[in-house]
C-alpha atoms as a PDB file:
ATOM      1  CA  MET A   1     -22.950  42.403  15.947  1.00  0.00           C
ATOM      2  CA  THR A   2     -20.282  41.738  18.703  1.00  0.00           C
ATOM      3  CA  GLN A   3     -21.018  39.102  20.799  1.00  0.00           C
ATOM      4  CA  LYS A   4     -22.274  35.383  18.543  1.00  0.00           C
ATOM      5  CA  LEU A   5     -25.545  34.396  20.339  1.00  0.00           C
ATOM      6  CA  VAL A   6     -23.981  30.327  20.907  1.00  0.00           C
ATOM      7  CA  VAL A   7     -26.882  27.520  20.870  1.00  0.00           C
ATOM      8  CA  ASN A   8     -25.584  23.979  22.304  1.00  0.00           C
ATOM      9  CA  SER A   9     -27.992  21.637  19.995  1.00  0.00           C
ATOM     10  CA  LYS A  10     -26.658  19.004  23.745  1.00  0.00           C
ATOM     11  CA  SER A  11     -28.284  20.846  25.645  1.00  0.00           C
ATOM     12  CA  ASN A  12     -31.455  20.412  27.371  1.00  0.00           C
ATOM     13  CA  GLN A  13     -32.413  23.789  27.496  1.00  0.00           C
ATOM     14  CA  PRO A  14     -34.691  24.580  24.796  1.00  0.00           C
ATOM     15  CA  LYS A  15     -33.566  25.976  21.680  1.00  0.00           C
ATOM     16  CA  TYR A  16     -35.312  29.174  22.075  1.00  0.00           C
ATOM     17  CA  ARG A  17     -34.684  30.086  25.501  1.00  0.00           C
ATOM     18  CA  GLN A  18     -30.950  29.615  25.024  1.00  0.00           C
ATOM     19  CA  ILE A  19     -31.267  32.454  21.918  1.00  0.00           C
ATOM     20  CA  ALA A  20     -33.116  34.365  24.141  1.00  0.00           C
ATOM     21  CA  LEU A  21     -31.143  33.982  27.221  1.00  0.00           C
ATOM     22  CA  SER A  22     -27.989  34.917  25.435  1.00  0.00           C
ATOM     23  CA  VAL A  23     -29.318  38.205  23.884  1.00  0.00           C
ATOM     24  CA  ILE A  24     -30.575  39.259  28.081  1.00  0.00           C
ATOM     25  CA  ASP A  25     -26.962  38.032  28.781  1.00  0.00           C
ATOM     26  CA  GLY A  26     -25.531  40.280  26.096  1.00  0.00           C
ATOM     27  CA  ILE A  27     -27.085  43.250  27.452  1.00  0.00           C
ATOM     28  CA  GLU A  28     -26.562  42.135  31.426  1.00  0.00           C
ATOM     29  CA  LYS A  29     -22.540  42.662  29.844  1.00  0.00           C
ATOM     30  CA  GLY A  30     -23.076  46.130  28.299  1.00  0.00           C
ATOM     31  CA  VAL A  31     -22.174  44.176  25.242  1.00  0.00           C
ATOM     32  CA  PHE A  32     -25.436  44.575  23.360  1.00  0.00           C
ATOM     33  CA  LYS A  33     -26.534  48.587  23.748  1.00  0.00           C
ATOM     34  CA  LYS A  34     -29.344  50.333  23.838  1.00  0.00           C
ATOM     35  CA  GLY A  35     -30.726  50.806  19.485  1.00  0.00           C
ATOM     36  CA  HIS A  36     -28.053  47.536  19.135  1.00  0.00           C
ATOM     37  CA  HIS A  37     -29.466  45.499  15.580  1.00  0.00           C
ATOM     38  CA  LEU A  38     -29.989  41.978  16.059  1.00  0.00           C
ATOM     39  CA  PRO A  39     -30.183  40.144  13.174  1.00  0.00           C
ATOM     40  CA  SER A  40     -33.555  38.722  11.179  1.00  0.00           C
ATOM     41  CA  ILE A  41     -35.109  35.856  12.082  1.00  0.00           C
ATOM     42  CA  ASN A  42     -34.247  33.991   8.514  1.00  0.00           C
ATOM     43  CA  GLU A  43     -29.775  35.482   9.548  1.00  0.00           C
ATOM     44  CA  PHE A  44     -29.735  33.540  12.541  1.00  0.00           C
ATOM     45  CA  ALA A  45     -31.690  30.658  11.374  1.00  0.00           C
ATOM     46  CA  SER A  46     -29.761  30.231   8.240  1.00  0.00           C
ATOM     47  CA  ALA A  47     -26.339  30.833  10.646  1.00  0.00           C
ATOM     48  CA  ASN A  48     -27.037  28.415  13.505  1.00  0.00           C
ATOM     49  CA  ASN A  49     -29.093  25.854  10.974  1.00  0.00           C
ATOM     50  CA  ILE A  50     -32.359  26.570  13.052  1.00  0.00           C
ATOM     51  CA  ALA A  51     -35.355  26.350  12.478  1.00  0.00           C
ATOM     52  CA  LYS A  52     -37.592  29.739  11.701  1.00  0.00           C
ATOM     53  CA  GLU A  53     -39.902  28.994  14.528  1.00  0.00           C
ATOM     54  CA  THR A  54     -37.612  27.995  17.287  1.00  0.00           C
ATOM     55  CA  VAL A  55     -35.636  31.905  16.556  1.00  0.00           C
ATOM     56  CA  THR A  56     -39.227  33.404  15.918  1.00  0.00           C
ATOM     57  CA  LYS A  57     -40.371  31.683  19.513  1.00  0.00           C
ATOM     58  CA  ALA A  58     -37.025  33.532  21.191  1.00  0.00           C
ATOM     59  CA  TYR A  59     -37.789  36.885  19.718  1.00  0.00           C
ATOM     60  CA  ALA A  60     -41.349  37.005  20.781  1.00  0.00           C
ATOM     61  CA  MET A  61     -40.049  35.897  24.385  1.00  0.00           C
ATOM     62  CA  LEU A  62     -38.219  39.037  24.431  1.00  0.00           C
ATOM     63  CA  ARG A  63     -40.329  40.941  22.897  1.00  0.00           C
ATOM     64  CA  GLU A  64     -42.888  39.776  25.513  1.00  0.00           C
ATOM     65  CA  MET A  65     -40.002  41.352  28.452  1.00  0.00           C
ATOM     66  CA  GLY A  66     -39.992  44.543  26.276  1.00  0.00           C
ATOM     67  CA  ILE A  67     -36.605  44.218  25.969  1.00  0.00           C
ATOM     68  CA  ILE A  68     -36.325  43.917  21.766  1.00  0.00           C
ATOM     69  CA  ILE A  69     -39.035  45.806  19.911  1.00  0.00           C
ATOM     70  CA  ALA A  70     -39.430  45.883  15.850  1.00  0.00           C
ATOM     71  CA  GLN A  71     -39.467  48.075  13.690  1.00  0.00           C
ATOM     72  CA  HIS A  72     -41.056  47.311  10.891  1.00  0.00           C
ATOM     73  CA  GLY A  73     -39.031  46.999   7.432  1.00  0.00           C
ATOM     74  CA  LYS A  74     -35.743  47.003   9.560  1.00  0.00           C
ATOM     75  CA  GLY A  75     -35.415  44.171  11.915  1.00  0.00           C
ATOM     76  CA  PHE A  76     -34.962  43.562  16.082  1.00  0.00           C
ATOM     77  CA  TYR A  77     -33.755  46.095  18.209  1.00  0.00           C
ATOM     78  CA  VAL A  78     -32.472  46.442  21.804  1.00  0.00           C
ATOM     79  CA  SER A  79     -34.931  48.353  23.196  1.00  0.00           C
ATOM     80  CA  THR A  80     -33.709  48.491  26.623  1.00  0.00           C
ATOM     81  CA  THR A  81     -30.650  47.990  29.167  1.00  0.00           C
ATOM     82  CA  LYS A  82     -32.502  47.153  31.844  1.00  0.00           C
ATOM     83  CA  ALA A  83     -32.893  43.137  30.904  1.00  0.00           C
ATOM     84  CA  LYS A  84     -34.322  41.512  34.570  1.00  0.00           C
ATOM     85  CA  VAL A  85     -35.137  37.750  33.451  1.00  0.00           C
ATOM     86  CA  GLY A  86     -35.904  35.030  36.969  1.00  0.00           C
ATOM     87  CA  LEU A  87     -32.392  32.340  37.191  1.00  0.00           C
ATOM     88  CA  ASN A  88     -32.149  29.590  35.353  1.00  0.00           C
ATOM     89  CA  ILE A  89     -30.231  27.139  37.334  1.00  0.00           C
ATOM     90  CA  PHE A  90     -28.587  24.335  36.366  1.00  0.00           C
ATOM     91  CA  VAL A  91     -27.671  22.222  39.779  1.00  0.00           C
ATOM     92  CA  LEU A  92     -25.134  18.835  39.593  1.00  0.00           C
ATOM     93  CA  PHE A  93     -25.781  16.792  42.647  1.00  0.00           C
ATOM     94  CA  ASP A  94     -23.605  13.891  43.181  1.00  0.00           C
ATOM     95  CA  THR A  95     -26.303  11.393  43.871  1.00  0.00           C
ATOM     96  CA  PHE A  96     -29.660  11.929  45.572  1.00  0.00           C
ATOM     97  CA  ASN A  97     -30.313  11.645  49.569  1.00  0.00           C
ATOM     98  CA  ALA A  98     -32.389  12.675  51.840  1.00  0.00           C
ATOM     99  CA  TYR A  99     -30.223  15.162  53.691  1.00  0.00           C
ATOM    100  CA  LYS A 100     -29.517  17.121  49.593  1.00  0.00           C
ATOM    101  CA  GLU A 101     -33.510  17.397  49.557  1.00  0.00           C
ATOM    102  CA  VAL A 102     -32.645  19.387  53.149  1.00  0.00           C
ATOM    103  CA  LEU A 103     -29.848  21.452  50.737  1.00  0.00           C
ATOM    104  CA  TYR A 104     -32.167  21.655  47.901  1.00  0.00           C
ATOM    105  CA  HIS A 105     -35.424  23.496  49.371  1.00  0.00           C
ATOM    106  CA  ALA A 106     -33.129  25.573  51.621  1.00  0.00           C
ATOM    107  CA  MET A 107     -31.259  27.041  48.732  1.00  0.00           C
ATOM    108  CA  LYS A 108     -35.261  26.546  46.914  1.00  0.00           C
ATOM    109  CA  ALA A 109     -36.377  29.077  49.049  1.00  0.00           C
ATOM    110  CA  ALA A 110     -33.859  31.488  49.211  1.00  0.00           C
ATOM    111  CA  LEU A 111     -34.532  32.107  45.526  1.00  0.00           C
ATOM    112  CA  PRO A 112     -36.661  34.192  43.519  1.00  0.00           C
ATOM    113  CA  ALA A 113     -39.638  32.584  43.721  1.00  0.00           C
ATOM    114  CA  ASP A 114     -39.422  32.858  39.741  1.00  0.00           C
ATOM    115  CA  THR A 115     -36.317  31.281  39.772  1.00  0.00           C
ATOM    116  CA  GLN A 116     -36.348  27.877  37.303  1.00  0.00           C
ATOM    117  CA  LEU A 117     -33.684  25.098  38.371  1.00  0.00           C
ATOM    118  CA  SER A 118     -33.067  21.876  36.610  1.00  0.00           C
ATOM    119  CA  THR A 119     -30.970  19.608  38.670  1.00  0.00           C
ATOM    120  CA  PHE A 120     -28.515  16.650  37.653  1.00  0.00           C
ATOM    121  CA  PHE A 121     -26.382  13.656  38.633  1.00  0.00           C
ATOM    122  CA  HIS A 122     -23.278  12.344  38.800  1.00  0.00           C
ATOM    123  CA  HIS A 123     -23.706  10.256  40.376  1.00  0.00           C
ATOM    124  CA  TYR A 124     -19.433  10.139  41.313  1.00  0.00           C
ATOM    125  CA  ASN A 125     -18.712   9.219  37.815  1.00  0.00           C
ATOM    126  CA  ALA A 126     -16.205  11.799  36.421  1.00  0.00           C
ATOM    127  CA  LYS A 127     -16.584  11.458  33.139  1.00  0.00           C
ATOM    128  CA  GLN A 128     -20.376  12.112  33.059  1.00  0.00           C
ATOM    129  CA  PHE A 129     -19.771  15.140  35.535  1.00  0.00           C
ATOM    130  CA  ALA A 130     -17.620  16.179  32.697  1.00  0.00           C
ATOM    131  CA  GLN A 131     -20.627  15.591  30.122  1.00  0.00           C
ATOM    132  CA  LEU A 132     -23.418  16.846  31.674  1.00  0.00           C
ATOM    133  CA  ILE A 133     -21.216  20.077  32.766  1.00  0.00           C
ATOM    134  CA  ASN A 134     -19.860  20.351  29.258  1.00  0.00           C
ATOM    135  CA  ASP A 135     -22.924  19.783  27.599  1.00  0.00           C
ATOM    136  CA  ASN A 136     -25.311  22.774  29.440  1.00  0.00           C
ATOM    137  CA  LEU A 137     -22.668  25.313  29.308  1.00  0.00           C
ATOM    138  CA  GLY A 138     -24.033  28.352  27.637  1.00  0.00           C
ATOM    139  CA  SER A 139     -27.299  27.120  28.629  1.00  0.00           C
ATOM    140  CA  TYR A 140     -27.998  28.330  31.754  1.00  0.00           C
ATOM    141  CA  ASN A 141     -27.266  31.809  33.711  1.00  0.00           C
ATOM    142  CA  TYR A 142     -26.340  30.612  36.879  1.00  0.00           C
ATOM    143  CA  TYR A 143     -24.030  27.138  37.634  1.00  0.00           C
ATOM    144  CA  VAL A 144     -24.658  25.765  41.305  1.00  0.00           C
ATOM    145  CA  ILE A 145     -21.775  21.715  41.284  1.00  0.00           C
ATOM    146  CA  MET A 146     -21.341  19.731  44.122  1.00  0.00           C
ATOM    147  CA  PRO A 147     -17.901  18.087  42.954  1.00  0.00           C
ATOM    148  CA  HIS A 148     -17.558  15.429  45.117  1.00  0.00           C
ATOM    149  CA  PHE A 149     -13.993  13.528  43.627  1.00  0.00           C
ATOM    150  CA  ASP A 150     -10.846  13.633  45.316  1.00  0.00           C
ATOM    151  CA  THR A 151      -9.444  13.538  42.200  1.00  0.00           C
ATOM    152  CA  ASP A 152      -8.664  17.339  39.892  1.00  0.00           C
ATOM    153  CA  VAL A 153     -11.822  18.498  38.132  1.00  0.00           C
ATOM    154  CA  SER A 154     -10.339  21.952  37.709  1.00  0.00           C
ATOM    155  CA  ALA A 155     -10.149  21.317  34.244  1.00  0.00           C
ATOM    156  CA  VAL A 156     -13.802  20.895  33.268  1.00  0.00           C
ATOM    157  CA  VAL A 157     -15.807  23.224  36.316  1.00  0.00           C
ATOM    158  CA  ASN A 158     -12.968  26.529  34.911  1.00  0.00           C
ATOM    159  CA  ALA A 159     -15.246  26.253  31.471  1.00  0.00           C
ATOM    160  CA  ILE A 160     -18.015  27.862  33.547  1.00  0.00           C
ATOM    161  CA  PRO A 161     -17.956  31.247  34.221  1.00  0.00           C
ATOM    162  CA  ARG A 162     -16.388  32.444  37.621  1.00  0.00           C
ATOM    163  CA  ASP A 163     -19.499  35.252  38.499  1.00  0.00           C
ATOM    164  CA  LYS A 164     -21.753  32.058  37.108  1.00  0.00           C
ATOM    165  CA  LEU A 165     -20.078  29.319  39.265  1.00  0.00           C
ATOM    166  CA  LEU A 166     -21.610  28.014  42.886  1.00  0.00           C
ATOM    167  CA  LEU A 167     -19.326  25.320  44.198  1.00  0.00           C
ATOM    168  CA  LEU A 168     -21.093  23.499  46.558  1.00  0.00           C
ATOM    169  CA  ASP A 169     -20.102  21.223  49.928  1.00  0.00           C
ATOM    170  CA  LYS A 170     -16.312  20.799  48.215  1.00  0.00           C
ATOM    171  CA  ASP A 171     -14.212  23.331  46.963  1.00  0.00           C
ATOM    172  CA  VAL A 172     -12.205  22.815  44.465  1.00  0.00           C
ATOM    173  CA  PRO A 173      -8.405  23.646  45.120  1.00  0.00           C
ATOM    174  CA  LYS A 174      -7.102  24.074  42.379  1.00  0.00           C
ATOM    175  CA  LEU A 175      -9.454  25.475  40.812  1.00  0.00           C
ATOM    176  CA  LYS A 176      -8.205  29.326  40.124  1.00  0.00           C
ATOM    177  CA  ASN A 177      -9.114  32.752  40.149  1.00  0.00           C
ATOM    178  CA  GLU A 178     -12.265  34.245  42.593  1.00  0.00           C
ATOM    179  CA  TYR A 179     -15.567  32.508  42.464  1.00  0.00           C
ATOM    180  CA  ALA A 180     -18.470  31.564  45.271  1.00  0.00           C
ATOM    181  CA  SER A 181     -18.569  27.553  47.744  1.00  0.00           C
ATOM    182  CA  ILE A 182     -20.053  27.078  50.382  1.00  0.00           C
ATOM    183  CA  PHE A 183     -18.152  23.947  51.410  1.00  0.00           C
ATOM    184  CA  GLN A 184     -17.379  21.541  54.224  1.00  0.00           C
ATOM    185  CA  ASP A 185     -13.824  21.055  56.228  1.00  0.00           C
ATOM    186  CA  PHE A 186     -14.071  17.799  56.078  1.00  0.00           C
ATOM    187  CA  GLU A 187     -10.561  16.384  58.125  1.00  0.00           C
ATOM    188  CA  ASN A 188     -11.284  18.386  61.462  1.00  0.00           C
ATOM    189  CA  ASP A 189     -14.851  18.950  60.807  1.00  0.00           C
ATOM    190  CA  ILE A 190     -14.877  14.853  61.420  1.00  0.00           C
ATOM    191  CA  TYR A 191     -12.057  15.487  63.742  1.00  0.00           C
ATOM    192  CA  ASN A 192     -13.932  17.770  65.829  1.00  0.00           C
ATOM    193  CA  GLY A 193     -16.951  15.968  66.290  1.00  0.00           C
ATOM    194  CA  LEU A 194     -15.485  13.203  67.143  1.00  0.00           C
ATOM    195  CA  VAL A 195     -13.271  14.762  69.721  1.00  0.00           C
ATOM    196  CA  ALA A 196     -16.767  15.890  71.075  1.00  0.00           C
ATOM    197  CA  GLY A 197     -18.204  12.268  71.281  1.00  0.00           C
ATOM    198  CA  LEU A 198     -15.089  11.258  73.130  1.00  0.00           C
ATOM    199  CA  PRO A 199     -16.287  10.654  76.208  1.00  0.00           C
ATOM    200  CA  LEU A 200     -19.166   8.298  75.135  1.00  0.00           C
ATOM    201  CA  ILE A 201     -16.604   6.358  72.168  1.00  0.00           C
ATOM    202  CA  LYS A 202     -14.699   5.408  74.814  1.00  0.00           C
ATOM    203  CA  ASN A 203     -17.137   3.244  76.315  1.00  0.00           C
ATOM    204  CA  TYR A 204     -16.961   0.721  73.461  1.00  0.00           C
ATOM    205  CA  SER A 205     -13.271  -1.364  72.849  1.00  0.00           C
ATOM    206  CA  LYS A 206     -13.124  -0.094  69.420  1.00  0.00           C
ATOM    207  CA  LEU A 207     -14.568   2.317  66.629  1.00  0.00           C
ATOM    208  CA  HIS A 208     -14.764   1.118  63.437  1.00  0.00           C
ATOM    209  CA  LEU A 209     -16.299   3.915  60.025  1.00  0.00           C
ATOM    210  CA  ILE A 210     -18.062   2.126  57.569  1.00  0.00           C
ATOM    211  CA  ALA A 211     -17.495   3.638  54.668  1.00  0.00           C
ATOM    212  CA  GLY A 212     -20.250   1.389  52.313  1.00  0.00           C
ATOM    213  CA  TYR A 213     -18.241   1.309  48.250  1.00  0.00           C
ATOM    214  CA  GLU A 214     -20.747  -1.572  47.754  1.00  0.00           C
ATOM    215  CA  HIS A 215     -23.549   2.056  48.055  1.00  0.00           C
ATOM    216  CA  LEU A 216     -21.611   4.082  45.636  1.00  0.00           C
ATOM    217  CA  GLN A 217     -21.597   6.167  48.540  1.00  0.00           C
ATOM    218  CA  TYR A 218     -18.559   8.975  48.539  1.00  0.00           C
ATOM    219  CA  VAL A 219     -16.266   9.395  51.540  1.00  0.00           C
ATOM    220  CA  PRO A 220     -13.777  12.022  50.557  1.00  0.00           C
ATOM    221  CA  ALA A 221     -10.277  11.527  51.871  1.00  0.00           C
ATOM    222  CA  ALA A 222     -10.168  14.077  53.909  1.00  0.00           C
ATOM    223  CA  ILE A 223     -12.691  12.077  56.711  1.00  0.00           C
ATOM    224  CA  ILE A 224     -10.486   9.188  56.273  1.00  0.00           C
ATOM    225  CA  LYS A 225      -7.676  11.214  57.491  1.00  0.00           C
ATOM    226  CA  GLY A 226      -9.265  13.229  60.019  1.00  0.00           C
ATOM    227  CA  TYR A 227     -10.552  10.164  61.489  1.00  0.00           C
ATOM    228  CA  LYS A 228      -7.823   8.683  61.603  1.00  0.00           C
ATOM    229  CA  LYS A 229      -5.590  11.053  63.226  1.00  0.00           C
ATOM    230  CA  PHE A 230      -8.262  11.331  65.819  1.00  0.00           C
ATOM    231  CA  CYS A 231      -7.775   7.639  66.487  1.00  0.00           C
ATOM    232  CA  THR A 232      -4.041   7.951  67.191  1.00  0.00           C
ATOM    233  CA  THR A 233      -4.103  11.206  69.107  1.00  0.00           C
ATOM    234  CA  ASN A 234      -6.928   9.467  71.428  1.00  0.00           C
ATOM    235  CA  GLY A 235      -5.638   6.359  71.766  1.00  0.00           C
ATOM    236  CA  ILE A 236      -8.682   4.527  70.022  1.00  0.00           C
ATOM    237  CA  ALA A 237      -8.708   1.189  68.688  1.00  0.00           C
ATOM    238  CA  GLY A 238      -9.630   1.432  64.827  1.00  0.00           C
ATOM    239  CA  ASP A 239     -10.188   0.387  61.212  1.00  0.00           C
ATOM    240  CA  VAL A 240     -11.501   1.647  58.017  1.00  0.00           C
ATOM    241  CA  MET A 241     -14.243  -0.982  56.311  1.00  0.00           C
ATOM    242  CA  ASP A 242     -15.358  -0.682  52.637  1.00  0.00           C
ATOM    243  CA  ASN A 243     -18.753  -2.170  53.601  1.00  0.00           C
ATOM    244  CA  LEU A 244     -20.532  -3.617  56.391  1.00  0.00           C
ATOM    245  CA  LYS A 245     -20.698  -7.138  56.955  1.00  0.00           C
ATOM    246  CA  GLU A 246     -23.124  -8.636  59.600  1.00  0.00           C
ATOM    247  CA  GLU A 247     -19.784 -10.458  60.843  1.00  0.00           C
ATOM    248  CA  THR A 248     -18.030  -7.698  61.183  1.00  0.00           C
ATOM    249  CA  LEU A 249     -19.886  -6.689  64.407  1.00  0.00           C
ATOM    250  CA  ASN A 250     -19.309  -6.768  67.569  1.00  0.00           C
ATOM    251  CA  LYS A 251     -20.754  -6.731  70.141  1.00  0.00           C
ATOM    252  CA  GLY A 252     -19.076  -3.656  72.712  1.00  0.00           C
ATOM    253  CA  GLU A 253     -18.592  -1.835  69.885  1.00  0.00           C
ATOM    254  CA  SER A 254     -18.713   1.069  68.068  1.00  0.00           C
ATOM    255  CA  TYR A 255     -19.770   2.481  64.067  1.00  0.00           C
ATOM    256  CA  LEU A 256     -19.315   5.766  62.295  1.00  0.00           C
ATOM    257  CA  ILE A 257     -21.474   3.911  59.686  1.00  0.00           C
ATOM    258  CA  PHE A 258     -21.673   6.780  56.039  1.00  0.00           C
ATOM    259  CA  ASN A 259     -24.372   4.816  53.985  1.00  0.00           C
ATOM    260  CA  ASP A 260     -28.297   4.900  55.285  1.00  0.00           C
ATOM    261  CA  THR A 261     -28.263   1.368  53.518  1.00  0.00           C
ATOM    262  CA  ASP A 262     -25.730   0.136  56.671  1.00  0.00           C
ATOM    263  CA  MET A 263     -27.623   1.787  58.961  1.00  0.00           C
ATOM    264  CA  ILE A 264     -30.250  -0.247  57.804  1.00  0.00           C
ATOM    265  CA  ARG A 265     -28.315  -3.075  57.850  1.00  0.00           C
ATOM    266  CA  PHE A 266     -26.830  -2.367  61.188  1.00  0.00           C
ATOM    267  CA  ILE A 267     -30.156  -1.589  63.118  1.00  0.00           C
ATOM    268  CA  LYS A 268     -31.417  -5.354  61.871  1.00  0.00           C
ATOM    269  CA  TYR A 269     -28.613  -7.387  63.036  1.00  0.00           C
ATOM    270  CA  CYS A 270     -29.024  -5.349  66.202  1.00  0.00           C
ATOM    271  CA  ASP A 271     -32.892  -6.257  66.485  1.00  0.00           C
ATOM    272  CA  LYS A 272     -32.238  -9.944  65.694  1.00  0.00           C
ATOM    273  CA  MET A 273     -28.723  -9.982  67.954  1.00  0.00           C
ATOM    274  CA  LYS A 274     -31.676  -7.992  70.576  1.00  0.00           C
ATOM    275  CA  TRP A 275     -28.615  -5.837  71.270  1.00  0.00           C
ATOM    276  CA  LYS A 276     -29.351  -2.039  72.233  1.00  0.00           C
ATOM    277  CA  PRO A 277     -27.703   0.597  70.219  1.00  0.00           C
ATOM    278  CA  GLY A 278     -25.723   3.316  72.830  1.00  0.00           C
ATOM    279  CA  LYS A 279     -25.575  -0.086  75.416  1.00  0.00           C
ATOM    280  CA  GLU A 280     -24.481  -3.276  74.197  1.00  0.00           C
ATOM    281  CA  ILE A 281     -23.588  -1.560  70.735  1.00  0.00           C
ATOM    282  CA  GLY A 282     -22.703   1.867  69.854  1.00  0.00           C
ATOM    283  CA  LEU A 283     -23.932   3.790  66.063  1.00  0.00           C
ATOM    284  CA  ILE A 284     -22.786   7.422  64.928  1.00  0.00           C
ATOM    285  CA  SER A 285     -23.951   7.999  61.358  1.00  0.00           C
ATOM    286  CA  TYR A 286     -22.663  10.555  58.845  1.00  0.00           C
ATOM    287  CA  ASP A 287     -24.761  13.120  57.699  1.00  0.00           C
ATOM    288  CA  ASP A 288     -28.138  14.505  59.651  1.00  0.00           C
ATOM    289  CA  THR A 289     -31.490  14.110  58.346  1.00  0.00           C
ATOM    290  CA  PRO A 290     -35.346  14.091  60.055  1.00  0.00           C
ATOM    291  CA  LEU A 291     -35.450  10.425  59.998  1.00  0.00           C
ATOM    292  CA  LYS A 292     -32.913  10.458  62.372  1.00  0.00           C
ATOM    293  CA  GLU A 293     -33.933  12.507  64.945  1.00  0.00           C
ATOM    294  CA  ILE A 294     -36.482  10.047  65.343  1.00  0.00           C
ATOM    295  CA  LEU A 295     -35.139   6.655  64.351  1.00  0.00           C
ATOM    296  CA  LEU A 296     -34.669   4.860  67.380  1.00  0.00           C
ATOM    297  CA  GLY A 297     -35.396   7.258  69.673  1.00  0.00           C
ATOM    298  CA  GLY A 298     -32.163   9.066  67.790  1.00  0.00           C
ATOM    299  CA  VAL A 299     -29.515   8.809  66.030  1.00  0.00           C
ATOM    300  CA  THR A 300     -26.375  10.158  67.408  1.00  0.00           C
ATOM    301  CA  VAL A 301     -24.422  12.091  63.954  1.00  0.00           C
ATOM    302  CA  ILE A 302     -21.785  14.128  62.636  1.00  0.00           C
ATOM    303  CA  SER A 303     -22.740  16.593  60.142  1.00  0.00           C
ATOM    304  CA  THR A 304     -22.991  19.832  58.298  1.00  0.00           C
ATOM    305  CA  ASP A 305     -25.655  22.312  59.019  1.00  0.00           C
ATOM    306  CA  PHE A 306     -27.412  21.453  54.597  1.00  0.00           C
ATOM    307  CA  GLU A 307     -29.844  23.969  55.501  1.00  0.00           C
ATOM    308  CA  LYS A 308     -27.874  26.740  55.699  1.00  0.00           C
ATOM    309  CA  MET A 309     -26.067  25.645  53.369  1.00  0.00           C
ATOM    310  CA  GLY A 310     -29.386  25.888  51.256  1.00  0.00           C
ATOM    311  CA  LYS A 311     -29.751  29.110  52.328  1.00  0.00           C
ATOM    312  CA  MET A 312     -26.478  30.458  51.883  1.00  0.00           C
ATOM    313  CA  ALA A 313     -26.854  29.402  48.756  1.00  0.00           C
ATOM    314  CA  GLY A 314     -29.152  31.406  47.775  1.00  0.00           C
ATOM    315  CA  GLU A 315     -28.215  34.151  49.593  1.00  0.00           C
ATOM    316  CA  LEU A 316     -25.179  33.985  47.849  1.00  0.00           C
ATOM    317  CA  ILE A 317     -26.567  33.683  44.420  1.00  0.00           C
ATOM    318  CA  VAL A 318     -29.016  35.827  44.844  1.00  0.00           C
ATOM    319  CA  GLY A 319     -26.628  38.648  45.554  1.00  0.00           C
ATOM    320  CA  LYS A 320     -24.104  37.903  43.348  1.00  0.00           C
ATOM    321  CA  LYS A 321     -21.219  37.142  45.598  1.00  0.00           C
ATOM    322  CA  LEU A 322     -17.793  35.682  45.481  1.00  0.00           C
ATOM    323  CA  GLU A 323     -17.529  34.558  48.577  1.00  0.00           C
ATOM    324  CA  LYS A 324     -15.548  31.428  50.006  1.00  0.00           C
ATOM    325  CA  ILE A 325     -17.404  29.890  52.929  1.00  0.00           C
ATOM    326  CA  ALA A 326     -16.976  26.966  55.138  1.00  0.00           C
ATOM    327  CA  ASN A 327     -20.341  25.817  56.498  1.00  0.00           C
ATOM    328  CA  ASP A 328     -21.014  24.653  60.125  1.00  0.00           C
ATOM    329  CA  SER A 329     -20.989  21.374  61.161  1.00  0.00           C
ATOM    330  CA  MET A 330     -21.679  19.681  64.452  1.00  0.00           C
ATOM    331  CA  PHE A 331     -21.669  16.662  67.145  1.00  0.00           C
ATOM    332  CA  ILE A 332     -25.847  15.441  67.646  1.00  0.00           C
ATOM    333  CA  LYS A 333     -26.210  13.516  70.551  1.00  0.00           C
ATOM    334  CA  ARG A 334     -28.477  11.094  70.641  1.00  0.00           C
ATOM    335  CA  LYS A 335     -29.419   7.701  72.122  1.00  0.00           C
ATOM    336  CA  THR A 336     -27.058   5.203  69.786  1.00  0.00           C
ATOM    337  CA  LEU A 337     -23.984   6.497  71.372  1.00  0.00           C
END
């Protein structure tokens, strides 16, 4: 044998499927040729300290797919180099919210019907991010990673083979060699979005940015940089606040809000004070969702196109393309500004 059939005991993927995928991966890479002799069930079980029933199930799966054949008294052999198996994708998001659901379903729709997606969340915890990746290496034939950290995570991501990697929503600049990535240009996207809304923003005396860190919201440093650049360049009074509190809301001022919980708090206070968003007070929300299209008659947003991002992600995976794509962003004027 020229390639070890790796089994990861920490993976959430069933061991029998890991074994089968390892054989298929070896065929796709040209390591296992037609007629290649695989280890017997007893040999594999003993070498990897795995139950014989698990290996039997893996080989049965490969036989059902027509990938291997059994010759009585001789063992198991690769019967074809045209192995095809449905995509089995590891998806690591930062956290779950409405726009991730839009992205997820758009990506799923662009993938073959037999694709299996296993979704995990790191919640901006770098240790959990690394552990989830390390525990699942070798268990999937594609890895979709959302690396939402301002610290460098290239060493962790580097463990994933480039032909099986897609970075989503944020790039990892220090990661070397070719790989697939669909990302937001956060600094320029926020700057250009605010410039598009400048005539409306000027109707208010100040523009606050509410990061929403209290709710584990991640706001890239590049967004803060783009926001400050906009305020300085256009003479707009502004400040950055970690969280929104009622005492920080002022009539005649506008607010750029990142967290939905803060947005609801904003709406409740405006209702209490009988302020109408878009008149007495301004609201811009970051990242569009279907709900924001109808809430308050429509919430003004700056947002990337998550449906387009999901669709392109599916297309890059299916086409095995190693491309880097900056996703479109837009300012959508609605009733609250």
